[in-house]
Amino acid sequence: MELYEEIILNVLRSQKTIIDVSFPGLTLTSKEIAESASYGALLQIQHILKDESLNDQECFYKIEEIVRVFERLGSGCGSRHDFG
């Protein structure tokens, strides 16, 4: 549930708000937002992992790219990701 909440919060933070805390430009439900963002993230991760042109030393960068996908969703990757 934490990733779901992070995705929703990230999208809501980028929306214009008014005093009654509404999101006038937001037409999607929270479920639709999470599903869309999740599918897009999975496609990005799949693309990164399918790149056979990298050697073993470059695989570190594949992991870094995956971490960045999560960060773009507004999800932290914990304290172990302290090298980027």
PDB file of N, CA and C in Angstrom:
ATOM      1  N   MET A   1       0.818  -1.195   0.000  1.00  0.00           N
ATOM      2  CA  MET A   1       0.000   0.000   0.000  1.00  0.00           C
ATOM      3  C   MET A   1       0.860   1.256   0.000  1.00  0.00           C
ATOM      4  N   GLU A   2       2.070   1.183   0.517  1.00  0.00           N
ATOM      5  CA  GLU A   2       2.914   2.362   0.597  1.00  0.00           C
ATOM      6  C   GLU A   2       3.220   2.938  -0.780  1.00  0.00           C
ATOM      7  N   LEU A   3       3.584   2.111  -1.764  1.00  0.00           N
ATOM      8  CA  LEU A   3       3.883   2.597  -3.107  1.00  0.00           C
ATOM      9  C   LEU A   3       2.651   3.260  -3.705  1.00  0.00           C
ATOM     10  N   TYR A   4       1.485   2.665  -3.518  1.00  0.00           N
ATOM     11  CA  TYR A   4       0.228   3.233  -4.014  1.00  0.00           C
ATOM     12  C   TYR A   4       0.047   4.649  -3.454  1.00  0.00           C
ATOM     13  N   GLU A   5       0.240   4.803  -2.150  1.00  0.00           N
ATOM     14  CA  GLU A   5       0.086   6.117  -1.510  1.00  0.00           C
ATOM     15  C   GLU A   5       1.112   7.113  -2.034  1.00  0.00           C
ATOM     16  N   GLU A   6       2.351   6.667  -2.229  1.00  0.00           N
ATOM     17  CA  GLU A   6       3.398   7.551  -2.738  1.00  0.00           C
ATOM     18  C   GLU A   6       3.060   8.051  -4.134  1.00  0.00           C
ATOM     19  N   ILE A   7       2.534   7.162  -4.972  1.00  0.00           N
ATOM     20  CA  ILE A   7       2.160   7.543  -6.338  1.00  0.00           C
ATOM     21  C   ILE A   7       1.051   8.597  -6.299  1.00  0.00           C
ATOM     22  N   ILE A   8       0.021   8.350  -5.492  1.00  0.00           N
ATOM     23  CA  ILE A   8      -1.105   9.281  -5.392  1.00  0.00           C
ATOM     24  C   ILE A   8      -0.629  10.633  -4.865  1.00  0.00           C
ATOM     25  N   LEU A   9       0.160  10.630  -3.788  1.00  0.00           N
ATOM     26  CA  LEU A   9       0.655  11.885  -3.219  1.00  0.00           C
ATOM     27  C   LEU A   9       1.494  12.665  -4.217  1.00  0.00           C
ATOM     28  N   ASN A  10       2.328  11.969  -4.979  1.00  0.00           N
ATOM     29  CA  ASN A  10       3.172  12.633  -5.966  1.00  0.00           C
ATOM     30  C   ASN A  10       2.331  13.339  -7.028  1.00  0.00           C
ATOM     31  N   VAL A  11       1.294  12.676  -7.520  1.00  0.00           N
ATOM     32  CA  VAL A  11       0.421  13.281  -8.531  1.00  0.00           C
ATOM     33  C   VAL A  11      -0.353  14.456  -7.930  1.00  0.00           C
ATOM     34  N   LEU A  12      -0.881  14.276  -6.731  1.00  0.00           N
ATOM     35  CA  LEU A  12      -1.670  15.336  -6.104  1.00  0.00           C
ATOM     36  C   LEU A  12      -0.826  16.573  -5.805  1.00  0.00           C
ATOM     37  N   ARG A  13       0.425  16.382  -5.429  1.00  0.00           N
ATOM     38  CA  ARG A  13       1.305  17.526  -5.159  1.00  0.00           C
ATOM     39  C   ARG A  13       1.523  18.376  -6.400  1.00  0.00           C
ATOM     40  N   SER A  14       1.432  17.784  -7.558  1.00  0.00           N
ATOM     41  CA  SER A  14       1.687  18.530  -8.794  1.00  0.00           C
ATOM     42  C   SER A  14       0.434  19.208  -9.346  1.00  0.00           C
ATOM     43  N   GLN A  15      -0.695  19.031  -8.689  1.00  0.00           N
ATOM     44  CA  GLN A  15      -1.951  19.604  -9.155  1.00  0.00           C
ATOM     45  C   GLN A  15      -2.197  20.969  -8.526  1.00  0.00           C
ATOM     46  N   LYS A  16      -2.877  21.820  -9.250  1.00  0.00           N
ATOM     47  CA  LYS A  16      -3.281  23.114  -8.727  1.00  0.00           C
ATOM     48  C   LYS A  16      -4.387  22.887  -7.691  1.00  0.00           C
ATOM     49  N   THR A  17      -4.244  23.496  -6.530  1.00  0.00           N
ATOM     50  CA  THR A  17      -5.240  23.315  -5.480  1.00  0.00           C
ATOM     51  C   THR A  17      -5.911  24.639  -5.139  1.00  0.00           C
ATOM     52  N   ILE A  18      -7.120  24.554  -4.641  1.00  0.00           N
ATOM     53  CA  ILE A  18      -7.825  25.716  -4.121  1.00  0.00           C
ATOM     54  C   ILE A  18      -8.145  25.458  -2.666  1.00  0.00           C
ATOM     55  N   ILE A  19      -8.630  26.451  -1.979  1.00  0.00           N
ATOM     56  CA  ILE A  19      -8.781  26.383  -0.531  1.00  0.00           C
ATOM     57  C   ILE A  19      -9.631  25.210  -0.053  1.00  0.00           C
ATOM     58  N   ASP A  20     -10.584  24.744  -0.816  1.00  0.00           N
ATOM     59  CA  ASP A  20     -11.390  23.610  -0.377  1.00  0.00           C
ATOM     60  C   ASP A  20     -10.741  22.271  -0.730  1.00  0.00           C
ATOM     61  N   VAL A  21      -9.476  22.300  -1.047  1.00  0.00           N
ATOM     62  CA  VAL A  21      -8.660  21.130  -1.336  1.00  0.00           C
ATOM     63  C   VAL A  21      -9.298  20.246  -2.398  1.00  0.00           C
ATOM     64  N   SER A  22      -9.505  20.834  -3.529  1.00  0.00           N
ATOM     65  CA  SER A  22      -9.958  20.063  -4.680  1.00  0.00           C
ATOM     66  C   SER A  22      -8.870  20.114  -5.741  1.00  0.00           C
ATOM     67  N   PHE A  23      -8.977  19.247  -6.694  1.00  0.00           N
ATOM     68  CA  PHE A  23      -8.011  19.158  -7.776  1.00  0.00           C
ATOM     69  C   PHE A  23      -8.775  19.309  -9.094  1.00  0.00           C
ATOM     70  N   PRO A  24      -8.994  20.565  -9.514  1.00  0.00           N
ATOM     71  CA  PRO A  24      -9.870  20.828 -10.663  1.00  0.00           C
ATOM     72  C   PRO A  24      -9.431  20.168 -11.970  1.00  0.00           C
ATOM     73  N   GLY A  25      -8.155  20.032 -12.183  1.00  0.00           N
ATOM     74  CA  GLY A  25      -7.688  19.432 -13.431  1.00  0.00           C
ATOM     75  C   GLY A  25      -7.555  17.929 -13.374  1.00  0.00           C
ATOM     76  N   LEU A  26      -7.827  17.342 -12.240  1.00  0.00           N
ATOM     77  CA  LEU A  26      -7.659  15.908 -12.059  1.00  0.00           C
ATOM     78  C   LEU A  26      -8.954  15.189 -12.406  1.00  0.00           C
ATOM     79  N   THR A  27      -8.913  14.410 -13.472  1.00  0.00           N
ATOM     80  CA  THR A  27     -10.117  13.710 -13.909  1.00  0.00           C
ATOM     81  C   THR A  27     -10.038  12.211 -13.647  1.00  0.00           C
ATOM     82  N   LEU A  28      -8.895  11.733 -13.232  1.00  0.00           N
ATOM     83  CA  LEU A  28      -8.721  10.303 -12.989  1.00  0.00           C
ATOM     84  C   LEU A  28      -8.992   9.962 -11.527  1.00  0.00           C
ATOM     85  N   THR A  29      -9.417   8.736 -11.295  1.00  0.00           N
ATOM     86  CA  THR A  29      -9.563   8.262  -9.920  1.00  0.00           C
ATOM     87  C   THR A  29      -8.174   7.890  -9.387  1.00  0.00           C
ATOM     88  N   SER A  30      -8.075   7.730  -8.085  1.00  0.00           N
ATOM     89  CA  SER A  30      -6.787   7.345  -7.507  1.00  0.00           C
ATOM     90  C   SER A  30      -6.341   5.983  -8.039  1.00  0.00           C
ATOM     91  N   LYS A  31      -7.281   5.088  -8.263  1.00  0.00           N
ATOM     92  CA  LYS A  31      -6.942   3.765  -8.810  1.00  0.00           C
ATOM     93  C   LYS A  31      -6.395   3.900 -10.237  1.00  0.00           C
ATOM     94  N   GLU A  32      -7.022   4.728 -11.048  1.00  0.00           N
ATOM     95  CA  GLU A  32      -6.561   4.926 -12.426  1.00  0.00           C
ATOM     96  C   GLU A  32      -5.175   5.564 -12.454  1.00  0.00           C
ATOM     97  N   ILE A  33      -4.921   6.501 -11.555  1.00  0.00           N
ATOM     98  CA  ILE A  33      -3.602   7.136 -11.476  1.00  0.00           C
ATOM     99  C   ILE A  33      -2.548   6.093 -11.135  1.00  0.00           C
ATOM    100  N   ALA A  34      -2.809   5.297 -10.111  1.00  0.00           N
ATOM    101  CA  ALA A  34      -1.839   4.294  -9.670  1.00  0.00           C
ATOM    102  C   ALA A  34      -1.601   3.242 -10.758  1.00  0.00           C
ATOM    103  N   GLU A  35      -2.667   2.789 -11.407  1.00  0.00           N
ATOM    104  CA  GLU A  35      -2.523   1.771 -12.451  1.00  0.00           C
ATOM    105  C   GLU A  35      -1.739   2.312 -13.637  1.00  0.00           C
ATOM    106  N   SER A  36      -2.035   3.525 -14.048  1.00  0.00           N
ATOM    107  CA  SER A  36      -1.334   4.136 -15.175  1.00  0.00           C
ATOM    108  C   SER A  36       0.143   4.344 -14.863  1.00  0.00           C
ATOM    109  N   ALA A  37       0.422   4.895 -13.697  1.00  0.00           N
ATOM    110  CA  ALA A  37       1.812   5.134 -13.299  1.00  0.00           C
ATOM    111  C   ALA A  37       2.564   3.817 -13.134  1.00  0.00           C
ATOM    112  N   SER A  38       1.909   2.819 -12.572  1.00  0.00           N
ATOM    113  CA  SER A  38       2.547   1.516 -12.355  1.00  0.00           C
ATOM    114  C   SER A  38       2.884   0.847 -13.678  1.00  0.00           C
ATOM    115  N   TYR A  39       1.953   0.873 -14.611  1.00  0.00           N
ATOM    116  CA  TYR A  39       2.194   0.248 -15.913  1.00  0.00           C
ATOM    117  C   TYR A  39       3.322   0.970 -16.642  1.00  0.00           C
ATOM    118  N   GLY A  40       3.303   2.296 -16.591  1.00  0.00           N
ATOM    119  CA  GLY A  40       4.371   3.065 -17.229  1.00  0.00           C
ATOM    120  C   GLY A  40       5.728   2.751 -16.611  1.00  0.00           C
ATOM    121  N   ALA A  41       5.765   2.627 -15.294  1.00  0.00           N
ATOM    122  CA  ALA A  41       7.014   2.300 -14.611  1.00  0.00           C
ATOM    123  C   ALA A  41       7.495   0.909 -15.000  1.00  0.00           C
ATOM    124  N   LEU A  42       6.573  -0.046 -15.077  1.00  0.00           N
ATOM    125  CA  LEU A  42       6.960  -1.401 -15.485  1.00  0.00           C
ATOM    126  C   LEU A  42       7.515  -1.432 -16.908  1.00  0.00           C
ATOM    127  N   LEU A  43       6.925  -0.667 -17.794  1.00  0.00           N
ATOM    128  CA  LEU A  43       7.446  -0.595 -19.163  1.00  0.00           C
ATOM    129  C   LEU A  43       8.861  -0.015 -19.179  1.00  0.00           C
ATOM    130  N   GLN A  44       9.102   1.031 -18.380  1.00  0.00           N
ATOM    131  CA  GLN A  44      10.442   1.616 -18.302  1.00  0.00           C
ATOM    132  C   GLN A  44      11.449   0.619 -17.743  1.00  0.00           C
ATOM    133  N   ILE A  45      11.067  -0.088 -16.685  1.00  0.00           N
ATOM    134  CA  ILE A  45      11.957  -1.074 -16.065  1.00  0.00           C
ATOM    135  C   ILE A  45      12.256  -2.205 -17.052  1.00  0.00           C
ATOM    136  N   GLN A  46      11.229  -2.667 -17.760  1.00  0.00           N
ATOM    137  CA  GLN A  46      11.431  -3.722 -18.746  1.00  0.00           C
ATOM    138  C   GLN A  46      12.412  -3.271 -19.829  1.00  0.00           C
ATOM    139  N   HIS A  47      12.251  -2.059 -20.299  1.00  0.00           N
ATOM    140  CA  HIS A  47      13.143  -1.526 -21.328  1.00  0.00           C
ATOM    141  C   HIS A  47      14.586  -1.473 -20.816  1.00  0.00           C
ATOM    142  N   ILE A  48      14.762  -1.024 -19.590  1.00  0.00           N
ATOM    143  CA  ILE A  48      16.106  -0.946 -18.995  1.00  0.00           C
ATOM    144  C   ILE A  48      16.728  -2.336 -18.910  1.00  0.00           C
ATOM    145  N   LEU A  49      15.967  -3.312 -18.424  1.00  0.00           N
ATOM    146  CA  LEU A  49      16.502  -4.656 -18.221  1.00  0.00           C
ATOM    147  C   LEU A  49      16.739  -5.416 -19.521  1.00  0.00           C
ATOM    148  N   LYS A  50      16.025  -5.071 -20.565  1.00  0.00           N
ATOM    149  CA  LYS A  50      16.196  -5.764 -21.843  1.00  0.00           C
ATOM    150  C   LYS A  50      17.401  -5.270 -22.630  1.00  0.00           C
ATOM    151  N   ASP A  51      18.035  -4.212 -22.178  1.00  0.00           N
ATOM    152  CA  ASP A  51      19.174  -3.647 -22.898  1.00  0.00           C
ATOM    153  C   ASP A  51      20.369  -4.586 -22.786  1.00  0.00           C
ATOM    154  N   GLU A  52      20.603  -5.374 -23.815  1.00  0.00           N
ATOM    155  CA  GLU A  52      21.688  -6.356 -23.827  1.00  0.00           C
ATOM    156  C   GLU A  52      23.014  -5.752 -24.253  1.00  0.00           C
ATOM    157  N   SER A  53      23.029  -4.487 -24.584  1.00  0.00           N
ATOM    158  CA  SER A  53      24.258  -3.872 -25.077  1.00  0.00           C
ATOM    159  C   SER A  53      25.238  -3.509 -23.964  1.00  0.00           C
ATOM    160  N   LEU A  54      24.811  -3.595 -22.710  1.00  0.00           N
ATOM    161  CA  LEU A  54      25.677  -3.216 -21.598  1.00  0.00           C
ATOM    162  C   LEU A  54      26.479  -4.406 -21.085  1.00  0.00           C
ATOM    163  N   ASN A  55      27.715  -4.135 -20.675  1.00  0.00           N
ATOM    164  CA  ASN A  55      28.515  -5.199 -20.071  1.00  0.00           C
ATOM    165  C   ASN A  55      28.202  -5.271 -18.579  1.00  0.00           C
ATOM    166  N   ASP A  56      28.814  -6.237 -17.886  1.00  0.00           N
ATOM    167  CA  ASP A  56      28.508  -6.454 -16.471  1.00  0.00           C
ATOM    168  C   ASP A  56      28.797  -5.223 -15.615  1.00  0.00           C
ATOM    169  N   GLN A  57      29.859  -4.494 -15.930  1.00  0.00           N
ATOM    170  CA  GLN A  57      30.185  -3.299 -15.154  1.00  0.00           C
ATOM    171  C   GLN A  57      29.097  -2.233 -15.298  1.00  0.00           C
ATOM    172  N   GLU A  58      28.446  -2.212 -16.428  1.00  0.00           N
ATOM    173  CA  GLU A  58      27.408  -1.221 -16.671  1.00  0.00           C
ATOM    174  C   GLU A  58      26.059  -1.608 -16.051  1.00  0.00           C
ATOM    175  N   CYS A  59      25.941  -2.831 -15.563  1.00  0.00           N
ATOM    176  CA  CYS A  59      24.684  -3.271 -14.961  1.00  0.00           C
ATOM    177  C   CYS A  59      24.309  -2.426 -13.745  1.00  0.00           C
ATOM    178  N   PHE A  60      25.309  -1.923 -13.048  1.00  0.00           N
ATOM    179  CA  PHE A  60      25.034  -1.027 -11.925  1.00  0.00           C
ATOM    180  C   PHE A  60      24.135   0.113 -12.384  1.00  0.00           C
ATOM    181  N   TYR A  61      24.397   0.620 -13.574  1.00  0.00           N
ATOM    182  CA  TYR A  61      23.620   1.737 -14.091  1.00  0.00           C
ATOM    183  C   TYR A  61      22.193   1.337 -14.435  1.00  0.00           C
ATOM    184  N   LYS A  62      21.977   0.066 -14.769  1.00  0.00           N
ATOM    185  CA  LYS A  62      20.613  -0.417 -14.968  1.00  0.00           C
ATOM    186  C   LYS A  62      19.825  -0.289 -13.674  1.00  0.00           C
ATOM    187  N   ILE A  63      20.447  -0.712 -12.589  1.00  0.00           N
ATOM    188  CA  ILE A  63      19.780  -0.619 -11.280  1.00  0.00           C
ATOM    189  C   ILE A  63      19.519   0.841 -10.942  1.00  0.00           C
ATOM    190  N   GLU A  64      20.484   1.696 -11.200  1.00  0.00           N
ATOM    191  CA  GLU A  64      20.318   3.121 -10.927  1.00  0.00           C
ATOM    192  C   GLU A  64      19.146   3.693 -11.726  1.00  0.00           C
ATOM    193  N   GLU A  65      18.991   3.279 -12.973  1.00  0.00           N
ATOM    194  CA  GLU A  65      17.869   3.748 -13.784  1.00  0.00           C
ATOM    195  C   GLU A  65      16.532   3.302 -13.202  1.00  0.00           C
ATOM    196  N   ILE A  66      16.487   2.072 -12.695  1.00  0.00           N
ATOM    197  CA  ILE A  66      15.260   1.554 -12.080  1.00  0.00           C
ATOM    198  C   ILE A  66      14.926   2.364 -10.831  1.00  0.00           C
ATOM    199  N   VAL A  67      15.929   2.667 -10.031  1.00  0.00           N
ATOM    200  CA  VAL A  67      15.716   3.497  -8.842  1.00  0.00           C
ATOM    201  C   VAL A  67      15.145   4.854  -9.250  1.00  0.00           C
ATOM    202  N   ARG A  68      15.654   5.416 -10.315  1.00  0.00           N
ATOM    203  CA  ARG A  68      15.167   6.718 -10.802  1.00  0.00           C
ATOM    204  C   ARG A  68      13.697   6.640 -11.235  1.00  0.00           C
ATOM    205  N   VAL A  69      13.287   5.502 -11.798  1.00  0.00           N
ATOM    206  CA  VAL A  69      11.876   5.320 -12.164  1.00  0.00           C
ATOM    207  C   VAL A  69      11.013   5.454 -10.920  1.00  0.00           C
ATOM    208  N   PHE A  70      11.416   4.787  -9.842  1.00  0.00           N
ATOM    209  CA  PHE A  70      10.663   4.887  -8.596  1.00  0.00           C
ATOM    210  C   PHE A  70      10.682   6.313  -8.054  1.00  0.00           C
ATOM    211  N   GLU A  71      11.804   6.981  -8.149  1.00  0.00           N
ATOM    212  CA  GLU A  71      11.893   8.348  -7.654  1.00  0.00           C
ATOM    213  C   GLU A  71      10.978   9.287  -8.440  1.00  0.00           C
ATOM    214  N   ARG A  72      10.865   9.067  -9.750  1.00  0.00           N
ATOM    215  CA  ARG A  72       9.958   9.899 -10.551  1.00  0.00           C
ATOM    216  C   ARG A  72       8.504   9.686 -10.153  1.00  0.00           C
ATOM    217  N   LEU A  73       8.196   8.507  -9.604  1.00  0.00           N
ATOM    218  CA  LEU A  73       6.850   8.225  -9.114  1.00  0.00           C
ATOM    219  C   LEU A  73       6.613   8.842  -7.739  1.00  0.00           C
ATOM    220  N   GLY A  74       7.680   9.366  -7.139  1.00  0.00           N
ATOM    221  CA  GLY A  74       7.563   9.936  -5.808  1.00  0.00           C
ATOM    222  C   GLY A  74       7.849   8.929  -4.718  1.00  0.00           C
ATOM    223  N   SER A  75       8.402   7.783  -5.087  1.00  0.00           N
ATOM    224  CA  SER A  75       8.689   6.724  -4.123  1.00  0.00           C
ATOM    225  C   SER A  75      10.171   6.700  -3.806  1.00  0.00           C
ATOM    226  N   GLY A  76      10.499   6.786  -2.537  1.00  0.00           N
ATOM    227  CA  GLY A  76      11.896   6.653  -2.139  1.00  0.00           C
ATOM    228  C   GLY A  76      12.320   5.205  -2.221  1.00  0.00           C
ATOM    229  N   CYS A  77      13.589   4.985  -2.296  1.00  0.00           N
ATOM    230  CA  CYS A  77      14.093   3.620  -2.363  1.00  0.00           C
ATOM    231  C   CYS A  77      14.819   3.242  -1.088  1.00  0.00           C
ATOM    232  N   GLY A  78      14.569   3.956  -0.034  1.00  0.00           N
ATOM    233  CA  GLY A  78      15.158   3.627   1.255  1.00  0.00           C
ATOM    234  C   GLY A  78      16.575   4.137   1.404  1.00  0.00           C
ATOM    235  N   SER A  79      17.135   3.874   2.550  1.00  0.00           N
ATOM    236  CA  SER A  79      18.462   4.386   2.872  1.00  0.00           C
ATOM    237  C   SER A  79      19.575   3.660   2.123  1.00  0.00           C
ATOM    238  N   ARG A  80      19.301   2.511   1.551  1.00  0.00           N
ATOM    239  CA  ARG A  80      20.356   1.781   0.841  1.00  0.00           C
ATOM    240  C   ARG A  80      20.709   2.440  -0.476  1.00  0.00           C
ATOM    241  N   HIS A  81      19.850   3.313  -0.971  1.00  0.00           N
ATOM    242  CA  HIS A  81      20.161   4.028  -2.209  1.00  0.00           C
ATOM    243  C   HIS A  81      20.744   5.385  -1.836  1.00  0.00           C
ATOM    244  N   ASP A  82      22.018   5.348  -1.522  1.00  0.00           N
ATOM    245  CA  ASP A  82      22.696   6.565  -1.068  1.00  0.00           C
ATOM    246  C   ASP A  82      23.951   6.786  -1.890  1.00  0.00           C
ATOM    247  N   PHE A  83      23.893   6.375  -3.167  1.00  0.00           N
ATOM    248  CA  PHE A  83      25.101   6.430  -3.994  1.00  0.00           C
ATOM    249  C   PHE A  83      24.864   7.153  -5.307  1.00  0.00           C
ATOM    250  N   GLY A  84      23.727   7.793  -5.483  1.00  0.00           N
ATOM    251  CA  GLY A  84      23.435   8.438  -6.754  1.00  0.00           C
ATOM    252  C   GLY A  84      23.553   9.875  -6.658  1.00  0.00           C
TER     253      GLY A  84
END
